[in-house]
Amino acid sequence: MYERHNILSGLLVRLGVDAETATEDACKIEHVISDESFEAIKRYIEEL
C-alpha cells in the first residue's frame, strides 16, 4: 500500500492537484485500483 500511495499521490501532484487533495485521493484510490492498472501507471511514470 505504501508504494501505491506514494506513486498515486505523486502522479496527482504532477497533474496539478494540490498536495493535500492528492494525499486524500491517493488514500481512496490505492484501495480499489486493480493490480493491472497500478502496474500500468507505475510503468508510465518510470518512462517519464
C-alpha atoms as a PDB file:
ATOM      1  CA  MET A   1       0.000   0.000   0.000  1.00  0.00           C
ATOM      2  CA  TYR A   2       2.811   2.421   0.798  1.00  0.00           C
ATOM      3  CA  GLU A   3       4.222   2.193  -2.725  1.00  0.00           C
ATOM      4  CA  ARG A   4       0.775   2.660  -4.237  1.00  0.00           C
ATOM      5  CA  HIS A   5       0.121   5.687  -2.077  1.00  0.00           C
ATOM      6  CA  ASN A   6       3.414   7.365  -2.953  1.00  0.00           C
ATOM      7  CA  ILE A   7       3.118   6.752  -6.662  1.00  0.00           C
ATOM      8  CA  LEU A   8      -0.523   7.784  -6.903  1.00  0.00           C
ATOM      9  CA  SER A   9      -0.188  10.904  -4.781  1.00  0.00           C
ATOM     10  CA  GLY A  10       2.948  11.898  -6.686  1.00  0.00           C
ATOM     11  CA  LEU A  11       1.173  11.460 -10.000  1.00  0.00           C
ATOM     12  CA  LEU A  12      -1.750  13.575  -8.863  1.00  0.00           C
ATOM     13  CA  VAL A  13       0.582  16.346  -7.728  1.00  0.00           C
ATOM     14  CA  ARG A  14       2.342  16.220 -11.119  1.00  0.00           C
ATOM     15  CA  LEU A  15      -1.063  16.624 -12.738  1.00  0.00           C
ATOM     16  CA  GLY A  16      -1.638  19.814 -10.773  1.00  0.00           C
ATOM     17  CA  VAL A  17      -3.645  18.592  -7.798  1.00  0.00           C
ATOM     18  CA  ASP A  18      -2.685  20.291  -4.537  1.00  0.00           C
ATOM     19  CA  ALA A  19      -0.713  18.050  -2.156  1.00  0.00           C
ATOM     20  CA  GLU A  20      -3.429  17.732   0.490  1.00  0.00           C
ATOM     21  CA  THR A  21      -6.097  16.688  -2.002  1.00  0.00           C
ATOM     22  CA  ALA A  22      -3.650  14.373  -3.786  1.00  0.00           C
ATOM     23  CA  THR A  23      -2.898  12.623  -0.491  1.00  0.00           C
ATOM     24  CA  GLU A  24      -6.584  12.211   0.352  1.00  0.00           C
ATOM     25  CA  ASP A  25      -7.459  10.938  -3.121  1.00  0.00           C
ATOM     26  CA  ALA A  26      -4.488   8.559  -3.227  1.00  0.00           C
ATOM     27  CA  CYS A  27      -5.705   7.016   0.043  1.00  0.00           C
ATOM     28  CA  LYS A  28      -9.027   6.244  -1.611  1.00  0.00           C
ATOM     29  CA  ILE A  29      -7.670   5.092  -4.966  1.00  0.00           C
ATOM     30  CA  GLU A  30      -4.951   2.799  -3.575  1.00  0.00           C
ATOM     31  CA  HIS A  31      -7.573   0.512  -2.035  1.00  0.00           C
ATOM     32  CA  VAL A  32      -9.670  -0.036  -5.154  1.00  0.00           C
ATOM     33  CA  ILE A  33      -7.301   0.153  -8.128  1.00  0.00           C
ATOM     34  CA  SER A  34      -6.530  -3.161  -9.786  1.00  0.00           C
ATOM     35  CA  ASP A  35      -3.004  -4.544  -9.837  1.00  0.00           C
ATOM     36  CA  GLU A  36      -3.027  -4.294 -13.624  1.00  0.00           C
ATOM     37  CA  SER A  37      -3.962  -0.608 -13.651  1.00  0.00           C
ATOM     38  CA  PHE A  38      -1.494   0.245 -10.917  1.00  0.00           C
ATOM     39  CA  GLU A  39       1.348  -1.510 -12.722  1.00  0.00           C
ATOM     40  CA  ALA A  40       0.466   0.372 -15.920  1.00  0.00           C
ATOM     41  CA  ILE A  41       0.587   3.693 -14.056  1.00  0.00           C
ATOM     42  CA  LYS A  42       3.874   2.713 -12.468  1.00  0.00           C
ATOM     43  CA  ARG A  43       5.416   1.851 -15.857  1.00  0.00           C
ATOM     44  CA  TYR A  44       4.151   5.108 -17.316  1.00  0.00           C
ATOM     45  CA  ILE A  45       5.722   7.160 -14.520  1.00  0.00           C
ATOM     46  CA  GLU A  46       9.023   5.307 -14.818  1.00  0.00           C
ATOM     47  CA  GLU A  47       9.144   6.250 -18.517  1.00  0.00           C
ATOM     48  CA  LEU A  48       8.754   9.956 -17.754  1.00  0.00           C
END
